[in-house]
Amino acid sequence: MKPMRNKRKYRFSKLGIVNLTVFIFLMGVAFSPFAGTCSRSSTAEAATDNPLLKSEAIQFATKYQEAIREIYKQVNPAVIRIETEQTVEVNHPFFNDPMFRRFFQVPEGQEKQKRAGLGSGFIISSDGFAVTNFHVVQKVDKITVRLTNGKEYTAKAVGSDANSDIALIKIEGAKNLKTVFLGDSDKIEVGDFALAIGNPFGLQSTLTTGIISSKGQDVNSADGVSRIQTDASINPGNSGGPLINIRGEVIGINQMIYSQSGGSVGIGFAIPINHAKHIVEKLKKGQKITQGYIGVSVDPEVTDEKLKLLGVEGKSGLIVAQVVIGSPAYKAGIVANDFITTIDGKAAEKFSVLKAAVLQKGPGASIEIKLFRQGKEMTVSVKIAEAPQRR
């Protein structure tokens, strides 16, 4: 006997057939090659629900990011790449050997070679005046300026001040150029945002950010003016480029770094733009840059004991150590152990404040000095003279 089979009849309604068809279609989509694409699209849409976007901190950071982008877009077109060419003489021992010269057909005298240089600068007038460091264009034969739009121009040095390391150049044949806005370096504070734009190691138009690390660093500069210190990355090729505040204004000229490796370690220095303005205006007029002089030196170490002896406990200022006989300070009546508190209304916190006032005003101008002598406050006016030439 054959086993009995239970036979059932299956009937499908029209609605059931439709549901089955939809089910099969959805299963096919899920396992199709396009399934991943659909999944990513859904994820992207879900990103709009990112809870971080509602965070006040993230919103603030986003605004800061937008500000940085805007500053770069506005300032970068006014920042230039400076390429230089210089002829240098190479004195190699072999060049002095007659046999070497005859064999290699080297002419008499020192061998001359072309040396290329690179730096940055920024445009201060639409007709092509630009500022850079003196050491970028020092003793060069040719200056080529490249704009961010790729255009190249020849430039010439208008004037320079080696002590300040500032040079003014003129881009020839250029018109309607984008210019920077100059800020007020006296108003900066430690912790302020700082941005640097330039061409480090030949890389075109790069931006780095940081803060003002210090606003009064004495780094043995010949002009006696304190430098702005920043941790915004500055490297070879950034020299002469702008240091910028969060308002997009130039507050300094990037000049040098402290480094044992040759690259940035977060200690860079810039020339305060207020000092540069004074130098640049004179260079534009073709005036000679002279160094001011009043003939005083100060005690490098001010202690509580010294302040007590002078009767100025708790005060800040400079103790006069020596006065040069016949100097402007001598003629104004300043003597050793006078305690200087202000120079032209500015607190005499460092000797650099006095040096900056003398250098910025220059020979022929006068500065007002407030000081204490034997516990009594007095004010003297000192007429600045031209610094004697060193021999």
Protein backbone atom coordinates (compact mmCIF):
# COMPACT_ATOMS: atom_id res chain seq x y z
CA MET A 1 0.00 0.00 0.00
CA LYS A 2 1.16 3.45 -0.76
CA PRO A 3 1.25 5.74 2.06
CA MET A 4 -1.51 8.23 2.12
CA ARG A 5 -0.59 11.91 1.26
CA ASN A 6 -2.45 14.77 2.73
CA LYS A 7 -3.24 17.01 -0.23
CA ARG A 8 -4.22 20.66 0.32
CA LYS A 9 -5.26 23.26 -2.16
CA TYR A 10 -3.64 26.77 -1.86
CA ARG A 11 -5.54 29.74 -3.07
CA PHE A 12 -4.20 33.38 -3.26
CA SER A 13 -6.25 36.45 -3.37
CA LYS A 14 -5.26 39.38 -5.61
CA LEU A 15 -4.22 41.37 -2.50
CA GLY A 16 -1.98 38.53 -1.34
CA ILE A 17 -0.25 38.38 -4.69
CA VAL A 18 0.49 42.11 -4.53
CA ASN A 19 1.92 41.82 -0.99
CA LEU A 20 4.14 38.93 -2.02
CA THR A 21 5.44 40.87 -5.01
CA VAL A 22 6.34 43.87 -2.81
CA PHE A 23 8.09 41.58 -0.31
CA ILE A 24 10.23 39.96 -3.01
CA PHE A 25 11.15 43.40 -4.44
CA LEU A 26 12.27 44.73 -1.06
CA MET A 27 14.37 41.62 -0.39
CA GLY A 28 16.01 42.07 -3.76
CA VAL A 29 16.88 45.70 -2.99
CA ALA A 30 18.31 44.75 0.40
CA PHE A 31 20.71 42.26 -1.14
CA SER A 32 21.44 44.12 -4.35
CA PRO A 33 24.78 45.89 -5.16
CA PHE A 34 23.02 49.22 -4.52
CA ALA A 35 22.14 48.33 -0.94
CA GLY A 36 25.32 49.95 0.40
CA THR A 37 24.60 53.15 -1.48
CA CYS A 38 21.14 53.36 -0.01
CA SER A 39 22.58 52.74 3.43
CA ARG A 40 25.14 55.55 3.07
CA SER A 41 22.49 57.95 1.88
CA SER A 42 20.42 57.21 4.93
CA THR A 43 23.45 57.74 7.15
CA ALA A 44 24.17 61.10 5.53
CA GLU A 45 20.63 62.20 6.14
CA ALA A 46 20.88 61.04 9.73
CA ALA A 47 23.98 63.23 10.20
CA THR A 48 21.73 66.26 10.29
CA ASP A 49 20.51 64.94 13.61
CA ASN A 50 24.06 65.11 15.04
CA PRO A 51 23.54 66.31 18.65
CA LEU A 52 26.92 68.11 18.57
CA LEU A 53 25.49 70.63 16.14
CA LYS A 54 23.25 71.89 18.93
CA SER A 55 26.20 72.43 21.26
CA GLU A 56 27.00 76.08 21.97
CA ALA A 57 30.71 75.21 22.06
CA ILE A 58 30.55 73.64 18.60
CA GLN A 59 28.58 76.59 17.25
CA PHE A 60 31.21 78.97 18.65
CA ALA A 61 34.02 76.91 17.13
CA THR A 62 32.23 76.91 13.79
CA LYS A 63 31.95 80.70 13.87
CA TYR A 64 35.66 80.96 14.66
CA GLN A 65 36.42 78.63 11.75
CA GLU A 66 34.32 80.79 9.43
CA ALA A 67 36.19 83.88 10.64
CA ILE A 68 39.56 82.29 9.86
CA ARG A 69 38.38 81.35 6.39
CA GLU A 70 37.14 84.89 5.75
CA ILE A 71 40.38 86.47 7.00
CA TYR A 72 42.41 84.25 4.69
CA LYS A 73 40.21 85.05 1.69
CA GLN A 74 40.51 88.79 2.32
CA VAL A 75 44.19 89.05 3.27
CA ASN A 76 45.87 86.38 1.17
CA PRO A 77 45.55 88.25 -2.17
CA ALA A 78 47.63 91.07 -0.64
CA VAL A 79 50.42 88.72 0.49
CA ILE A 80 53.22 88.28 -2.02
CA ARG A 81 55.85 85.68 -2.72
CA ILE A 82 59.29 87.25 -3.18
CA GLU A 83 61.94 85.43 -5.19
CA THR A 84 65.42 86.90 -5.36
CA GLU A 85 68.58 86.29 -7.33
CA GLN A 86 72.02 87.20 -6.07
CA THR A 87 75.49 86.85 -7.54
CA VAL A 88 77.98 85.55 -5.00
CA GLU A 89 81.68 84.87 -5.21
CA VAL A 90 82.84 81.41 -4.22
CA ASN A 91 86.38 81.20 -2.92
CA HIS A 92 87.43 77.55 -3.16
CA PRO A 93 91.04 76.48 -2.49
CA PHE A 94 91.16 74.67 -5.85
CA PHE A 95 90.41 77.94 -7.69
CA ASN A 96 93.76 79.32 -6.52
CA ASP A 97 95.68 76.35 -7.94
CA PRO A 98 97.14 77.24 -11.39
CA MET A 99 97.15 73.58 -12.52
CA PHE A 100 93.50 73.19 -11.53
CA ARG A 101 92.57 76.35 -13.42
CA ARG A 102 94.43 75.29 -16.58
CA PHE A 103 93.00 71.76 -16.53
CA PHE A 104 89.38 72.85 -15.98
CA GLN A 105 89.81 76.12 -17.90
CA VAL A 106 88.71 78.21 -14.90
CA PRO A 107 89.39 81.94 -15.44
CA GLU A 108 91.50 83.97 -13.02
CA GLY A 109 89.77 85.38 -9.94
CA GLN A 110 87.01 84.04 -7.73
CA GLU A 111 84.24 81.86 -9.12
CA LYS A 112 80.82 83.55 -9.31
CA GLN A 113 77.54 81.76 -8.80
CA LYS A 114 73.86 82.66 -8.80
CA ARG A 115 72.06 82.17 -5.49
CA ALA A 116 68.27 82.08 -5.22
CA GLY A 117 66.34 83.39 -2.22
CA LEU A 118 62.75 83.23 -1.09
CA GLY A 119 60.61 85.30 1.25
CA SER A 120 57.21 86.90 1.74
CA GLY A 121 55.79 90.40 1.92
CA PHE A 122 52.52 92.31 1.88
CA ILE A 123 51.12 95.09 -0.28
CA ILE A 124 50.32 98.40 1.44
CA SER A 125 49.20 100.47 -1.57
CA SER A 126 47.22 99.61 -4.69
CA ASP A 127 49.96 101.03 -6.92
CA GLY A 128 52.49 98.43 -5.75
CA PHE A 129 54.33 99.48 -2.60
CA ALA A 130 55.01 96.44 -0.43
CA VAL A 131 56.79 95.71 2.85
CA THR A 132 59.16 92.87 3.63
CA ASN A 133 62.27 92.16 5.70
CA PHE A 134 65.57 93.80 4.80
CA HIS A 135 67.32 90.43 4.97
CA VAL A 136 64.98 89.08 2.25
CA VAL A 137 66.15 91.64 -0.35
CA GLN A 138 69.60 92.49 0.99
CA LYS A 139 72.25 92.85 -1.73
CA VAL A 140 70.21 91.04 -4.40
CA ASP A 141 70.48 91.57 -8.14
CA LYS A 142 66.89 90.79 -9.02
CA ILE A 143 63.53 90.79 -7.19
CA THR A 144 60.55 88.91 -8.63
CA VAL A 145 57.13 89.17 -7.02
CA ARG A 146 54.44 86.55 -7.55
CA LEU A 147 50.83 87.30 -6.67
CA THR A 148 48.31 84.71 -5.54
CA ASN A 149 46.60 84.90 -8.95
CA GLY A 150 49.82 83.61 -10.54
CA LYS A 151 50.94 86.91 -12.09
CA GLU A 152 54.62 87.79 -11.82
CA TYR A 153 56.23 91.22 -11.69
CA THR A 154 59.68 92.66 -11.31
CA ALA A 155 60.18 94.76 -8.20
CA LYS A 156 62.83 97.18 -7.04
CA ALA A 157 64.02 98.14 -3.56
CA VAL A 158 62.90 101.65 -2.63
CA GLY A 159 64.67 101.83 0.72
CA SER A 160 65.53 99.82 3.79
CA ASP A 161 66.61 99.98 7.40
CA ALA A 162 69.06 97.26 8.35
CA ASN A 163 68.69 97.91 12.09
CA SER A 164 64.93 97.36 12.00
CA ASP A 165 65.20 94.67 9.29
CA ILE A 166 62.50 96.46 7.28
CA ALA A 167 62.50 97.07 3.53
CA LEU A 168 60.10 98.86 1.19
CA ILE A 169 59.85 97.58 -2.37
CA LYS A 170 57.86 98.77 -5.42
CA ILE A 171 56.15 96.28 -7.73
CA GLU A 172 56.69 97.65 -11.23
CA GLY A 173 53.83 97.89 -13.70
CA ALA A 174 51.14 96.70 -11.29
CA LYS A 175 47.86 98.53 -10.70
CA ASN A 176 44.72 98.14 -8.58
CA LEU A 177 46.37 95.66 -6.26
CA LYS A 178 44.69 94.24 -3.18
CA THR A 179 46.11 95.81 0.01
CA VAL A 180 46.22 94.85 3.68
CA PHE A 181 44.77 96.79 6.60
CA LEU A 182 47.32 97.91 9.18
CA GLY A 183 46.34 97.45 12.82
CA ASP A 184 47.60 98.83 16.13
CA SER A 185 50.29 96.66 17.69
CA ASP A 186 50.13 98.66 20.93
CA LYS A 187 46.68 97.22 21.59
CA ILE A 188 47.56 93.54 21.39
CA GLU A 189 47.43 91.37 24.51
CA VAL A 190 48.97 88.04 25.37
CA GLY A 191 46.46 85.34 24.44
CA ASP A 192 45.07 87.23 21.42
CA PHE A 193 44.58 85.11 18.29
CA ALA A 194 47.39 85.45 15.74
CA LEU A 195 47.60 84.28 12.13
CA ALA A 196 50.56 84.14 9.76
CA ILE A 197 50.36 83.99 5.97
CA GLY A 198 53.42 83.40 3.82
CA ASN A 199 55.48 80.99 1.74
CA PRO A 200 57.38 78.69 4.13
CA PHE A 201 59.95 76.48 2.38
CA GLY A 202 58.51 77.66 -0.94
CA LEU A 203 54.98 76.44 -0.24
CA GLN A 204 52.61 78.99 -1.74
CA SER A 205 50.21 81.05 0.40
CA THR A 206 49.98 78.97 3.55
CA LEU A 207 48.12 79.94 6.70
CA THR A 208 49.07 79.08 10.26
CA THR A 209 47.30 80.08 13.45
CA GLY A 210 48.19 80.55 17.09
CA ILE A 211 48.19 83.22 19.76
CA ILE A 212 50.29 86.12 20.94
CA SER A 213 52.74 84.46 23.34
CA SER A 214 54.42 87.70 24.45
CA LYS A 215 54.26 91.30 23.31
CA GLY A 216 57.59 92.58 24.59
CA GLN A 217 60.47 90.23 23.89
CA ASP A 218 63.97 91.70 23.69
CA VAL A 219 65.74 89.45 21.19
CA ASN A 220 68.94 91.43 20.62
CA SER A 221 67.51 93.33 17.68
CA ALA A 222 69.73 96.17 16.49
CA ASP A 223 66.89 98.70 16.59
CA GLY A 224 66.24 98.09 20.28
CA VAL A 225 62.52 97.49 19.70
CA SER A 226 60.90 94.54 21.46
CA ARG A 227 59.38 91.88 19.23
CA ILE A 228 55.98 90.21 19.30
CA GLN A 229 56.28 86.52 20.11
CA THR A 230 53.80 84.05 18.63
CA ASP A 231 53.33 80.29 18.44
CA ALA A 232 51.75 80.55 14.99
CA SER A 233 54.13 78.44 12.92
CA ILE A 234 56.78 80.55 11.15
CA ASN A 235 59.47 78.96 8.99
CA PRO A 236 62.09 79.98 6.42
CA GLY A 237 60.15 81.65 3.62
CA ASN A 238 57.69 83.32 6.01
CA SER A 239 60.14 86.19 6.56
CA GLY A 240 58.55 89.51 5.64
CA GLY A 241 55.00 88.17 5.68
CA PRO A 242 52.21 89.55 7.86
CA LEU A 243 51.21 88.57 11.38
CA ILE A 244 47.46 89.20 11.56
CA ASN A 245 44.91 89.68 14.34
CA ILE A 246 41.40 88.25 14.46
CA ARG A 247 40.07 91.38 12.72
CA GLY A 248 42.23 90.70 9.68
CA GLU A 249 44.63 93.58 10.43
CA VAL A 250 48.42 93.34 10.17
CA ILE A 251 49.97 93.74 13.62
CA GLY A 252 53.50 92.64 12.81
CA ILE A 253 56.08 91.63 10.20
CA ASN A 254 57.21 88.03 10.66
CA GLN A 255 60.97 88.16 11.04
CA MET A 256 62.67 85.22 12.76
CA ILE A 257 62.30 82.08 14.84
CA TYR A 258 64.03 80.47 17.76
CA SER A 259 65.00 76.98 16.64
CA GLN A 260 67.85 74.51 16.93
CA SER A 261 66.60 72.47 13.97
CA GLY A 262 65.88 75.27 11.50
CA GLY A 263 62.14 74.57 11.58
CA SER A 264 59.38 75.99 13.75
CA VAL A 265 59.23 74.94 17.40
CA GLY A 266 56.46 77.38 18.22
CA ILE A 267 58.66 80.37 19.05
CA GLY A 268 58.44 83.01 16.34
CA PHE A 269 59.03 86.75 16.41
CA ALA A 270 57.50 89.65 14.50
CA ILE A 271 58.35 93.35 14.23
CA PRO A 272 55.50 95.43 15.72
CA ILE A 273 53.61 97.14 12.90
CA ASN A 274 53.51 100.48 14.76
CA HIS A 275 57.30 100.63 14.60
CA ALA A 276 57.24 99.55 10.95
CA LYS A 277 54.75 102.31 10.03
CA HIS A 278 57.23 104.91 11.24
CA ILE A 279 60.08 103.39 9.21
CA VAL A 280 58.02 102.81 6.05
CA GLU A 281 56.72 106.39 5.94
CA LYS A 282 60.28 107.70 5.99
CA LEU A 283 61.41 105.23 3.34
CA LYS A 284 58.50 106.27 1.09
CA LYS A 285 59.65 109.89 1.30
CA GLY A 286 63.24 108.91 0.57
CA GLN A 287 64.38 110.00 4.01
CA LYS A 288 67.40 108.57 5.75
CA ILE A 289 66.68 106.33 8.73
CA THR A 290 68.69 107.66 11.64
CA GLN A 291 68.98 106.22 15.12
CA GLY A 292 67.98 108.35 18.08
CA TYR A 293 70.13 108.68 21.19
CA ILE A 294 69.81 110.18 24.68
CA GLY A 295 72.85 108.66 26.40
CA VAL A 296 71.61 106.64 29.36
CA SER A 297 72.05 103.07 30.54
CA VAL A 298 69.91 101.36 33.15
CA ASP A 299 70.42 98.84 35.93
CA PRO A 300 69.60 95.39 34.48
CA GLU A 301 68.37 94.13 37.84
CA VAL A 302 65.78 95.97 39.91
CA THR A 303 65.37 94.44 43.39
CA ASP A 304 63.18 95.26 46.38
CA GLU A 305 66.30 96.31 48.30
CA LYS A 306 67.28 98.83 45.62
CA LEU A 307 63.74 100.21 45.45
CA LYS A 308 63.76 100.65 49.23
CA LEU A 309 67.07 102.52 49.13
CA LEU A 310 65.68 104.87 46.47
CA GLY A 311 62.43 105.42 48.40
CA VAL A 312 60.20 103.96 45.69
CA GLU A 313 59.03 100.71 47.25
CA GLY A 314 56.28 98.95 45.31
CA LYS A 315 56.77 101.01 42.16
CA SER A 316 57.84 99.70 38.76
CA GLY A 317 60.32 101.44 36.53
CA LEU A 318 63.95 101.81 35.48
CA ILE A 319 66.95 102.71 37.62
CA VAL A 320 69.41 104.94 35.75
CA ALA A 321 72.87 103.39 36.02
CA GLN A 322 74.99 105.79 33.97
CA VAL A 323 74.59 109.02 32.02
CA VAL A 324 77.03 109.94 29.25
CA ILE A 325 78.60 113.34 29.83
CA GLY A 326 77.40 115.83 27.23
CA SER A 327 74.53 113.60 26.08
CA PRO A 328 70.90 114.76 25.77
CA ALA A 329 70.04 113.06 29.08
CA TYR A 330 72.97 114.80 30.76
CA LYS A 331 71.84 118.19 29.42
CA ALA A 332 68.28 117.51 30.64
CA GLY A 333 69.59 116.98 34.17
CA ILE A 334 69.12 113.20 34.50
CA VAL A 335 71.60 111.63 36.92
CA ALA A 336 72.53 108.16 38.12
CA ASN A 337 70.00 106.52 40.50
CA ASP A 338 67.07 108.48 39.10
CA PHE A 339 64.05 106.16 38.98
CA ILE A 340 62.15 106.49 35.66
CA THR A 341 58.45 105.59 35.86
CA THR A 342 56.98 106.74 32.52
CA ILE A 343 58.17 107.76 29.04
CA ASP A 344 55.68 109.88 27.09
CA GLY A 345 52.93 108.60 29.36
CA LYS A 346 53.78 104.90 28.94
CA ALA A 347 54.84 102.82 31.92
CA ALA A 348 58.60 102.21 31.87
CA GLU A 349 58.31 98.49 32.53
CA LYS A 350 61.31 97.63 30.36
CA PHE A 351 64.28 99.46 28.87
CA SER A 352 62.76 98.64 25.47
CA VAL A 353 59.96 101.13 26.18
CA LEU A 354 62.54 103.90 26.44
CA LYS A 355 64.45 102.66 23.40
CA ALA A 356 61.29 102.44 21.32
CA ALA A 357 60.27 106.01 22.19
CA VAL A 358 63.71 107.33 21.26
CA LEU A 359 63.90 105.36 18.02
CA GLN A 360 60.37 106.07 16.84
CA LYS A 361 60.52 109.82 17.44
CA GLY A 362 64.05 110.18 16.15
CA PRO A 363 66.63 112.97 16.30
CA GLY A 364 65.27 116.48 16.87
CA ALA A 365 62.14 115.35 18.70
CA SER A 366 61.68 115.37 22.47
CA ILE A 367 60.41 112.80 24.95
CA GLU A 368 58.88 113.48 28.36
CA ILE A 369 60.26 111.43 31.22
CA LYS A 370 58.74 111.20 34.69
CA LEU A 371 61.10 110.09 37.44
CA PHE A 372 61.69 109.97 41.16
CA ARG A 373 64.80 111.45 42.74
CA GLN A 374 65.32 111.09 46.49
CA GLY A 375 61.62 110.34 46.90
CA LYS A 376 60.43 113.39 44.94
CA GLU A 377 58.61 113.08 41.60
CA MET A 378 59.69 115.30 38.72
CA THR A 379 59.31 115.59 34.96
CA VAL A 380 62.09 116.32 32.48
CA SER A 381 62.05 116.85 28.72
CA VAL A 382 64.89 115.27 26.75
CA LYS A 383 65.69 116.36 23.18
CA ILE A 384 66.82 113.33 21.16
CA ALA A 385 70.09 113.52 19.26
CA GLU A 386 71.41 111.40 16.40
CA ALA A 387 73.32 108.38 17.61
CA PRO A 388 77.08 108.72 17.16
CA GLN A 389 78.55 106.55 14.41
CA ARG A 390 80.28 103.40 15.59
CA ARG A 391 83.82 102.84 14.46
